Amino acid sequence: MVGQVFLDKYMVITPLAEGGMSRLFLARQSPSGREVVVKLLKDEYLAERETAEHFRREIHVTTHFKHPNAVAAIDSALNTPTGPVLIMEYLRGLDLYELLCRKGRLPAQRVAQLLAQLCDVLQAAHDDGIIHRDLKPGNCMILSAGTSRETLKLMDFGLAQMRSVLYIAPEEVDDPRMAAAAGTPEYMCPELVRGQVMDHRGDIYSIGVILFELITGRRPFEGATADDLMLAHMREAPPRFADIGFADLVPPSVEAVIQSCLAKSPEDRPASATELAHRFMKAVGGILPPSRTTRPKGGSGLVARPAENATLTNRFAFRHSIEAVMPEAMALIKLKGFIHDLGGTVLDSVPGQIKVRLPDPQQPEKKTSMFGRGDHGGGQVSALQVVGATEMELHMEREDPAQPNRLTVTLLMRPSGRALVTPAWRNRCNHIGRDLQAYLMGR
């Protein structure tokens, strides 16, 4: 691998690290000479759809989300001879796990300074509809450790959930009941263990586990197996500091903030990352530094692609827009079922846009609806006389940030390859459009 050039300008110098599924290499960018990191999937995982999808998701989020406390993407490509490639800034430092191994635990004031940076980047991500879902010390890089310039950088968005834009992984359509993988058992929130939908407060819980570990040098829950750990998160109360010998070393106000993060119910945790940072800083008697970014109210760094600019927009395309009032998470569940029941194959899924190929209905496949019905909401897509398959795009937009549950879903279709544009084809498009409306409206 040493000497290999990626994307025509990043030459590998030396291996850096190897994780469970990926490899990191130090490379030099031409012609600037800047040192960068090349991240690749291991060869044995290139054919595994779920693993490849996590890496694609990391590429999408890292390249779109920008923040001084998030690792910066420099370049990327989804399809190369060696698979997906992500080029990132080279961070000279150590992760928070390594720092804990060296120090055992950290003083509350230092924890407060690191927490302020973590909460700043996390709040920005949450504002953009991104839930990290895998917060842990190993995903927090520390630069200039132990100095006045100590900086935290959040990494690894491979399990991130993007709720501000339409994004459905291909394998989720193959099996709509499949729960998306998320989290590390030691830091997993109770709602994920219960199989419930996690919102941004699940990240707050994971921070609570990290804070407990930073302050005491141990995690609140231990278990012989991953199942034991997850059951503890769901059922056991975290130990009080007095019970583990820290009553006289940590102010009660600090413990109170950490315990609130570890509440079993999301409603009992701090409502936002910013609120958590303020409460913790107040508990240690400090002042929260100003945010390092100025973000427009309601703005989003991950925005849906306007349907008017969609690649299927041409004189043969069929277009249908639907206004729906529901949480985005529910809309995504319904859209997954809609694509699955049509027998669609996801060709590509990027934030704001899903490309699907629908089969030729002249040879319809028998498929059971994920909702247990033979129809599709309020109607049924008939095997109309259409020559060839159909390409479809789905877009979901939220035009008014003040009304997050008011969504516009746009469906675009055109014949695939040599398929004919006929009255029967347009009739089928009308059927599909009406069925999508029935899905979203719950009829």
Protein backbone atom coordinates (compact mmCIF):
# COMPACT_ATOMS: atom_id res chain seq x y z
CA MET A 1 0.00 0.00 0.00
CA VAL A 2 2.95 2.36 0.65
CA GLY A 3 3.48 4.47 -2.46
CA GLN A 4 -0.06 3.95 -3.77
CA VAL A 5 -1.81 7.12 -4.93
CA PHE A 6 -5.50 7.71 -4.22
CA LEU A 7 -7.69 10.13 -6.17
CA ASP A 8 -4.62 11.09 -8.24
CA LYS A 9 -3.05 13.22 -5.48
CA TYR A 10 -2.78 11.43 -2.12
CA MET A 11 0.28 9.16 -1.91
CA VAL A 12 0.45 6.74 1.02
CA ILE A 13 3.53 7.16 3.23
CA THR A 14 2.94 4.65 6.02
CA PRO A 15 0.16 2.73 7.81
CA LEU A 16 -1.30 4.53 10.82
CA ALA A 17 -3.82 2.24 12.43
CA GLU A 18 -6.12 -0.67 11.79
CA GLY A 19 -9.55 -1.04 13.31
CA GLY A 20 -12.07 -3.82 13.21
CA MET A 21 -13.34 -2.93 9.74
CA SER A 22 -11.14 -0.14 8.36
CA ARG A 23 -7.53 0.85 7.79
CA LEU A 24 -5.92 4.27 8.19
CA PHE A 25 -2.85 5.46 6.29
CA LEU A 26 -0.75 8.59 6.49
CA ALA A 27 -0.48 10.13 3.04
CA ARG A 28 0.97 13.24 1.43
CA GLN A 29 -1.15 15.47 -0.76
CA SER A 30 0.26 16.66 -4.08
CA PRO A 31 1.34 19.33 -4.85
CA SER A 32 0.97 21.01 -1.43
CA GLY A 33 2.81 18.32 0.53
CA ARG A 34 0.19 18.43 3.28
CA GLU A 35 -0.09 15.30 5.42
CA VAL A 36 -3.55 13.71 5.39
CA VAL A 37 -5.22 10.49 6.50
CA VAL A 38 -6.60 7.99 3.99
CA LYS A 39 -9.37 5.78 5.39
CA LEU A 40 -10.34 2.56 3.59
CA LEU A 41 -12.48 -0.45 4.34
CA LYS A 42 -10.65 -3.71 4.76
CA ASP A 43 -10.92 -5.91 1.69
CA GLU A 44 -12.98 -8.56 3.47
CA TYR A 45 -15.69 -6.00 4.31
CA LEU A 46 -16.11 -4.45 0.87
CA ALA A 47 -18.79 -6.98 -0.04
CA GLU A 48 -20.68 -6.63 3.26
CA ARG A 49 -23.50 -4.21 2.56
CA GLU A 50 -24.08 -3.08 6.14
CA THR A 51 -20.41 -2.34 6.82
CA ALA A 52 -20.00 -0.57 3.48
CA GLU A 53 -23.13 1.45 4.22
CA HIS A 54 -21.75 2.63 7.58
CA PHE A 55 -18.64 3.86 5.81
CA ARG A 56 -20.68 5.59 3.10
CA ARG A 57 -22.71 7.27 5.84
CA GLU A 58 -19.52 8.45 7.53
CA ILE A 59 -18.34 9.91 4.21
CA HIS A 60 -21.65 11.73 3.67
CA VAL A 61 -21.78 13.25 7.16
CA THR A 62 -18.08 14.09 7.45
CA THR A 63 -17.98 15.82 4.07
CA HIS A 64 -21.12 17.90 4.73
CA PHE A 65 -20.87 18.72 8.44
CA LYS A 66 -18.27 21.35 9.31
CA HIS A 67 -17.23 22.40 12.81
CA PRO A 68 -13.90 23.34 14.43
CA ASN A 69 -14.32 20.47 16.89
CA ALA A 70 -15.16 17.82 14.29
CA VAL A 71 -12.59 16.00 12.21
CA ALA A 72 -12.51 17.66 8.79
CA ALA A 73 -12.99 15.77 5.54
CA ILE A 74 -10.72 16.93 2.72
CA ASP A 75 -11.79 14.67 -0.13
CA SER A 76 -13.74 11.49 -0.78
CA ALA A 77 -14.96 9.06 -3.40
CA LEU A 78 -17.63 6.40 -3.06
CA ASN A 79 -16.52 4.21 -5.96
CA THR A 80 -12.85 3.50 -6.61
CA PRO A 81 -11.03 0.25 -7.49
CA THR A 82 -10.30 -0.18 -3.77
CA GLY A 83 -13.82 0.76 -2.64
CA PRO A 84 -14.99 3.94 -0.83
CA VAL A 85 -12.22 6.34 0.20
CA LEU A 86 -12.31 9.13 2.77
CA ILE A 87 -9.48 11.68 3.01
CA MET A 88 -9.35 13.49 6.36
CA GLU A 89 -7.16 15.98 8.16
CA TYR A 90 -4.24 14.43 10.03
CA LEU A 91 -4.69 14.95 13.76
CA ARG A 92 -1.56 14.71 15.93
CA GLY A 93 -2.74 13.69 19.35
CA LEU A 94 -4.30 10.85 21.32
CA ASP A 95 -7.88 9.83 21.83
CA LEU A 96 -9.69 10.28 25.12
CA TYR A 97 -9.48 6.56 25.86
CA GLU A 98 -5.68 6.66 25.64
CA LEU A 99 -5.63 9.76 27.85
CA LEU A 100 -7.74 7.98 30.47
CA CYS A 101 -5.43 4.97 30.37
CA ARG A 102 -2.51 7.28 31.11
CA LYS A 103 -4.14 9.45 33.77
CA GLY A 104 -6.68 7.11 35.37
CA ARG A 105 -9.16 9.96 35.78
CA LEU A 106 -9.28 13.71 35.16
CA PRO A 107 -10.01 16.66 37.48
CA ALA A 108 -13.48 18.16 37.14
CA GLN A 109 -12.20 21.52 35.82
CA ARG A 110 -10.35 19.84 32.97
CA VAL A 111 -13.37 17.67 32.23
CA ALA A 112 -15.49 20.82 32.05
CA GLN A 113 -13.22 22.36 29.42
CA LEU A 114 -13.30 19.23 27.28
CA LEU A 115 -17.06 18.87 27.77
CA ALA A 116 -17.64 22.44 26.60
CA GLN A 117 -15.98 21.61 23.28
CA LEU A 118 -17.76 18.27 22.90
CA CYS A 119 -21.14 19.86 23.62
CA ASP A 120 -20.46 22.69 21.19
CA VAL A 121 -19.84 20.34 18.26
CA LEU A 122 -22.63 18.02 19.35
CA GLN A 123 -25.16 20.86 19.58
CA ALA A 124 -24.21 21.94 16.06
CA ALA A 125 -24.67 18.37 14.84
CA HIS A 126 -28.04 18.07 16.56
CA ASP A 127 -29.13 21.38 15.05
CA ASP A 128 -28.29 19.86 11.67
CA GLY A 129 -30.38 16.80 12.39
CA ILE A 130 -27.36 14.55 13.02
CA ILE A 131 -27.43 12.16 15.96
CA HIS A 132 -23.97 10.64 16.47
CA ARG A 133 -25.15 7.40 18.17
CA ASP A 134 -21.62 6.18 18.97
CA LEU A 135 -20.16 8.66 21.44
CA LYS A 136 -17.30 7.14 23.42
CA PRO A 137 -13.78 8.17 24.49
CA GLY A 138 -12.23 6.40 21.51
CA ASN A 139 -14.13 8.71 19.15
CA CYS A 140 -12.83 11.90 20.80
CA MET A 141 -9.34 12.94 19.69
CA ILE A 142 -7.39 15.24 22.02
CA LEU A 143 -4.85 17.63 20.49
CA SER A 144 -2.17 19.44 22.53
CA ALA A 145 -3.16 17.39 25.58
CA GLY A 146 -2.36 18.98 28.93
CA THR A 147 -1.66 22.44 27.51
CA SER A 148 -3.66 25.66 27.41
CA ARG A 149 -4.45 24.81 23.76
CA GLU A 150 -6.00 21.42 24.54
CA THR A 151 -8.60 20.72 21.86
CA LEU A 152 -11.18 17.99 21.40
CA LYS A 153 -12.13 16.72 17.94
CA LEU A 154 -15.16 14.47 17.46
CA MET A 155 -14.65 11.60 14.99
CA ASP A 156 -16.36 8.59 13.40
CA PHE A 157 -19.86 9.38 12.15
CA GLY A 158 -20.31 5.90 10.68
CA LEU A 159 -23.40 5.16 12.80
CA ALA A 160 -24.83 8.67 12.66
CA GLN A 161 -28.51 9.12 12.04
CA MET A 162 -29.42 11.99 9.71
CA ARG A 163 -32.88 13.15 10.62
CA SER A 164 -32.98 16.52 8.88
CA VAL A 165 -32.87 14.98 5.41
CA LEU A 166 -34.11 11.87 3.68
CA TYR A 167 -31.62 9.02 4.06
CA ILE A 168 -32.40 5.32 3.93
CA ALA A 169 -29.70 2.67 3.78
CA PRO A 170 -30.20 0.06 1.04
CA GLU A 171 -30.24 -2.84 3.52
CA GLU A 172 -33.04 -1.16 5.47
CA VAL A 173 -35.27 -1.53 2.40
CA ASP A 174 -34.29 -5.17 1.91
CA ASP A 175 -35.48 -5.78 5.47
CA PRO A 176 -37.63 -2.86 6.67
CA ARG A 177 -37.98 -4.34 10.15
CA MET A 178 -34.21 -4.36 10.63
CA ALA A 179 -33.09 -1.99 13.35
CA ALA A 180 -30.15 0.11 12.27
CA ALA A 181 -26.99 -0.74 14.16
CA ALA A 182 -26.02 1.91 16.64
CA GLY A 183 -23.82 2.41 19.61
CA THR A 184 -21.22 0.62 21.69
CA PRO A 185 -22.69 -1.47 24.57
CA GLU A 186 -20.67 0.34 27.27
CA TYR A 187 -22.18 3.70 26.22
CA MET A 188 -25.57 2.73 24.78
CA CYS A 189 -28.69 4.56 25.93
CA PRO A 190 -31.63 2.58 27.41
CA GLU A 191 -34.04 3.47 24.62
CA LEU A 192 -31.81 1.78 22.04
CA VAL A 193 -31.65 -1.32 24.22
CA ARG A 194 -35.45 -1.30 24.36
CA GLY A 195 -35.61 -1.06 20.56
CA GLN A 196 -37.13 2.40 20.62
CA VAL A 197 -36.35 5.36 18.39
CA MET A 198 -33.42 7.39 19.77
CA ASP A 199 -33.35 11.16 19.52
CA HIS A 200 -30.55 13.60 20.42
CA ARG A 201 -30.99 12.88 24.13
CA GLY A 202 -29.54 9.41 23.53
CA ASP A 203 -26.26 11.18 22.79
CA ILE A 204 -26.66 13.04 26.10
CA TYR A 205 -26.86 9.69 27.89
CA SER A 206 -23.64 8.51 26.24
CA ILE A 207 -21.94 11.71 27.38
CA GLY A 208 -23.15 10.92 30.89
CA VAL A 209 -21.31 7.58 30.77
CA ILE A 210 -18.18 9.34 29.48
CA LEU A 211 -18.36 11.97 32.25
CA PHE A 212 -18.78 9.29 34.90
CA GLU A 213 -15.69 7.54 33.53
CA LEU A 214 -13.61 10.72 33.27
CA ILE A 215 -14.38 11.77 36.83
CA THR A 216 -14.16 8.38 38.59
CA GLY A 217 -11.89 6.35 36.32
CA ARG A 218 -14.55 3.66 35.85
CA ARG A 219 -17.78 3.28 33.91
CA PRO A 220 -21.11 3.25 35.76
CA PHE A 221 -22.04 -0.22 34.49
CA GLU A 222 -20.00 -3.37 33.99
CA GLY A 223 -20.98 -6.73 32.59
CA ALA A 224 -19.45 -10.02 31.53
CA THR A 225 -21.17 -9.83 28.14
CA ALA A 226 -22.59 -7.17 25.85
CA ASP A 227 -26.10 -8.35 26.78
CA ASP A 228 -25.34 -7.90 30.47
CA LEU A 229 -24.13 -4.37 29.83
CA MET A 230 -27.17 -3.40 27.80
CA LEU A 231 -29.55 -4.81 30.38
CA ALA A 232 -27.75 -2.80 33.06
CA HIS A 233 -28.23 0.40 31.05
CA MET A 234 -31.91 -0.40 30.78
CA ARG A 235 -32.64 -1.57 34.33
CA GLU A 236 -29.95 -0.63 36.87
CA ALA A 237 -29.49 2.72 38.56
CA PRO A 238 -25.96 4.11 38.21
CA PRO A 239 -23.94 3.91 41.43
CA ARG A 240 -23.70 6.97 43.64
CA PHE A 241 -20.23 8.43 43.98
CA ALA A 242 -20.34 7.81 47.75
CA ASP A 243 -20.74 4.08 47.08
CA ILE A 244 -17.51 3.94 45.05
CA GLY A 245 -15.36 6.16 47.27
CA PHE A 246 -15.69 9.54 45.56
CA ALA A 247 -18.04 11.42 47.88
CA ASP A 248 -15.30 13.70 49.21
CA LEU A 249 -13.46 14.18 45.92
CA VAL A 250 -16.27 15.39 43.65
CA PRO A 251 -18.77 18.18 44.47
CA PRO A 252 -22.37 16.94 44.81
CA SER A 253 -23.38 19.45 42.13
CA VAL A 254 -21.10 17.70 39.60
CA GLU A 255 -22.49 14.30 40.48
CA ALA A 256 -26.04 15.64 40.13
CA VAL A 257 -25.39 16.75 36.54
CA ILE A 258 -23.83 13.41 35.61
CA GLN A 259 -26.66 11.44 37.21
CA SER A 260 -29.21 13.52 35.29
CA CYS A 261 -27.52 12.54 32.01
CA LEU A 262 -27.85 8.88 33.01
CA ALA A 263 -31.60 9.06 33.62
CA LYS A 264 -33.42 6.10 32.07
CA SER A 265 -36.04 8.34 30.52
CA PRO A 266 -34.88 10.90 27.89
CA GLU A 267 -37.31 13.44 29.35
CA ASP A 268 -35.34 13.47 32.61
CA ARG A 269 -31.99 14.29 30.98
CA PRO A 270 -30.67 17.73 30.02
CA ALA A 271 -32.73 18.88 27.05
CA SER A 272 -29.73 19.77 24.89
CA ALA A 273 -25.96 19.57 24.70
CA THR A 274 -25.76 23.30 25.37
CA GLU A 275 -27.84 22.97 28.53
CA LEU A 276 -25.59 20.15 29.72
CA ALA A 277 -22.44 22.21 29.17
CA HIS A 278 -23.90 25.17 31.07
CA ARG A 279 -25.02 22.99 33.98
CA PHE A 280 -21.69 21.19 34.31
CA MET A 281 -19.66 24.38 34.07
CA LYS A 282 -21.84 25.99 36.74
CA ALA A 283 -21.35 22.92 38.94
CA VAL A 284 -17.55 23.33 38.84
CA GLY A 285 -17.77 27.10 39.33
CA GLY A 286 -16.59 28.09 35.87
CA ILE A 287 -17.91 30.09 32.94
CA LEU A 288 -18.80 28.41 29.67
CA PRO A 289 -16.63 29.77 26.84
CA PRO A 290 -18.46 31.18 23.81
CA SER A 291 -19.36 28.81 21.01
CA ARG A 292 -16.70 28.56 18.32
CA THR A 293 -19.28 28.80 15.55
CA THR A 294 -22.08 31.18 14.67
CA ARG A 295 -24.97 29.24 13.19
CA PRO A 296 -28.14 30.76 11.75
CA LYS A 297 -31.24 29.98 13.74
CA GLY A 298 -32.87 26.91 12.30
CA GLY A 299 -30.10 26.55 9.75
CA SER A 300 -28.75 23.22 8.66
CA GLY A 301 -25.47 22.17 7.16
CA LEU A 302 -27.10 19.04 5.73
CA VAL A 303 -29.87 20.21 3.43
CA ALA A 304 -32.11 18.25 1.14
CA ARG A 305 -31.35 18.57 -2.53
CA PRO A 306 -34.07 20.65 -4.21
CA ALA A 307 -36.32 18.40 -6.26
CA GLU A 308 -36.26 20.91 -9.12
CA ASN A 309 -32.58 20.05 -9.65
CA ALA A 310 -33.09 16.30 -9.48
CA THR A 311 -31.38 14.18 -12.09
CA LEU A 312 -34.64 12.64 -13.26
CA THR A 313 -36.19 15.97 -14.14
CA ASN A 314 -36.70 15.90 -17.91
CA ARG A 315 -39.55 15.90 -20.37
CA PHE A 316 -40.28 12.21 -19.74
CA ALA A 317 -40.32 12.41 -15.95
CA PHE A 318 -43.43 12.04 -13.83
CA ARG A 319 -43.50 14.30 -10.76
CA HIS A 320 -45.75 14.10 -7.73
CA SER A 321 -45.41 16.17 -4.51
CA ILE A 322 -47.15 15.42 -1.23
CA GLU A 323 -47.49 17.57 1.87
CA ALA A 324 -47.37 15.53 5.07
CA VAL A 325 -47.50 16.43 8.76
CA MET A 326 -45.57 13.90 10.86
CA PRO A 327 -42.19 13.43 12.53
CA GLU A 328 -39.41 12.76 10.05
CA ALA A 329 -38.58 9.45 11.74
CA MET A 330 -42.12 8.23 11.04
CA ALA A 331 -41.93 9.44 7.44
CA LEU A 332 -38.72 7.45 6.94
CA ILE A 333 -40.35 4.29 8.31
CA LYS A 334 -43.28 4.72 5.94
CA LEU A 335 -41.02 5.39 2.95
CA LYS A 336 -38.96 2.27 3.71
CA GLY A 337 -42.13 0.20 3.66
CA PHE A 338 -43.33 1.89 0.48
CA ILE A 339 -40.12 1.07 -1.42
CA HIS A 340 -40.03 -2.47 -0.03
CA ASP A 341 -43.62 -3.25 -1.00
CA LEU A 342 -43.06 -1.99 -4.54
CA GLY A 343 -40.17 -4.44 -4.89
CA GLY A 344 -37.76 -1.56 -5.42
CA THR A 345 -33.98 -1.85 -5.44
CA VAL A 346 -32.06 1.08 -3.93
CA LEU A 347 -29.42 2.21 -6.43
CA ASP A 348 -28.05 5.05 -4.34
CA SER A 349 -28.93 6.86 -1.14
CA VAL A 350 -27.34 10.15 -0.19
CA PRO A 351 -28.63 12.86 2.16
CA GLY A 352 -31.72 14.35 0.56
CA GLN A 353 -32.14 11.85 -2.25
CA ILE A 354 -32.87 8.16 -2.78
CA LYS A 355 -32.61 6.51 -6.21
CA VAL A 356 -34.65 3.35 -6.72
CA ARG A 357 -35.24 0.97 -9.62
CA LEU A 358 -38.72 -0.54 -9.81
CA PRO A 359 -39.11 -3.88 -11.59
CA ASP A 360 -41.10 -4.44 -14.77
CA PRO A 361 -44.62 -5.15 -13.47
CA GLN A 362 -45.27 -7.54 -16.38
CA GLN A 363 -43.40 -10.09 -14.26
CA PRO A 364 -44.48 -8.93 -10.80
CA GLU A 365 -42.85 -10.48 -7.75
CA LYS A 366 -45.14 -11.63 -4.97
CA LYS A 367 -44.18 -9.65 -1.90
CA THR A 368 -45.84 -9.37 1.47
CA SER A 369 -46.39 -5.88 2.74
CA MET A 370 -44.36 -4.97 5.83
CA PHE A 371 -47.66 -3.73 7.24
CA GLY A 372 -49.25 -7.16 6.81
CA ARG A 373 -51.63 -6.15 4.00
CA GLY A 374 -51.91 -7.11 0.41
CA ASP A 375 -52.39 -3.51 -0.64
CA HIS A 376 -50.22 -0.41 -0.30
CA GLY A 377 -52.03 1.77 2.21
CA GLY A 378 -55.20 2.76 0.40
CA GLY A 379 -54.62 1.28 -3.05
CA GLN A 380 -52.72 -1.33 -5.00
CA VAL A 381 -50.00 -1.05 -7.64
CA SER A 382 -51.37 -3.19 -10.46
CA ALA A 383 -49.32 -5.14 -12.98
CA LEU A 384 -50.10 -2.67 -15.73
CA GLN A 385 -48.82 -3.22 -19.23
CA VAL A 386 -45.55 -1.31 -19.07
CA VAL A 387 -42.47 -2.21 -21.08
CA GLY A 388 -39.35 -2.31 -18.89
CA ALA A 389 -38.45 -1.06 -15.44
CA THR A 390 -38.85 2.40 -13.94
CA GLU A 391 -36.31 4.62 -12.21
CA MET A 392 -37.60 6.57 -9.23
CA GLU A 393 -36.22 9.29 -6.98
CA LEU A 394 -37.59 10.31 -3.61
CA HIS A 395 -36.87 13.66 -1.96
CA MET A 396 -37.98 14.94 1.43
CA GLU A 397 -37.73 18.60 2.35
CA ARG A 398 -38.60 20.67 5.41
CA GLU A 399 -39.10 24.20 4.15
CA ASP A 400 -39.90 25.89 7.48
CA PRO A 401 -37.56 25.10 10.43
CA ALA A 402 -40.24 26.46 12.75
CA GLN A 403 -42.54 23.63 11.63
CA PRO A 404 -40.28 20.55 11.74
CA ASN A 405 -43.12 18.09 11.23
CA ARG A 406 -44.43 19.73 8.06
CA LEU A 407 -42.73 17.87 5.24
CA THR A 408 -42.80 17.88 1.46
CA VAL A 409 -42.13 14.51 -0.15
CA THR A 410 -41.48 14.62 -3.90
CA LEU A 411 -41.64 11.56 -6.13
CA LEU A 412 -39.93 11.61 -9.55
CA MET A 413 -40.12 8.73 -12.06
CA ARG A 414 -38.99 7.95 -15.58
CA PRO A 415 -38.74 4.80 -17.73
CA SER A 416 -35.47 2.93 -17.30
CA GLY A 417 -33.29 2.14 -20.29
CA ARG A 418 -35.45 1.36 -23.32
CA ALA A 419 -38.72 1.24 -21.44
CA LEU A 420 -41.53 2.96 -23.33
CA VAL A 421 -43.38 6.10 -22.26
CA THR A 422 -46.96 4.99 -22.77
CA PRO A 423 -50.35 5.87 -21.29
CA ALA A 424 -50.06 2.64 -19.28
CA TRP A 425 -46.73 3.80 -17.84
CA ARG A 426 -48.18 7.16 -16.84
CA ASN A 427 -51.17 5.36 -15.37
CA ARG A 428 -48.79 3.27 -13.28
CA CYS A 429 -46.99 6.42 -12.09
CA ASN A 430 -50.34 7.88 -11.02
CA HIS A 431 -51.09 4.68 -9.10
CA ILE A 432 -47.73 4.83 -7.34
CA GLY A 433 -48.18 8.51 -6.52
CA ARG A 434 -51.58 7.85 -4.98
CA ASP A 435 -50.23 4.87 -3.06
CA LEU A 436 -47.39 6.98 -1.65
CA GLN A 437 -49.92 9.53 -0.48
CA ALA A 438 -51.93 6.74 1.14
CA TYR A 439 -48.79 5.49 2.92
CA LEU A 440 -47.96 8.91 4.29
CA MET A 441 -51.52 9.79 5.24
CA GLY A 442 -52.09 6.43 6.92
CA ARG A 443 -55.17 5.50 4.93
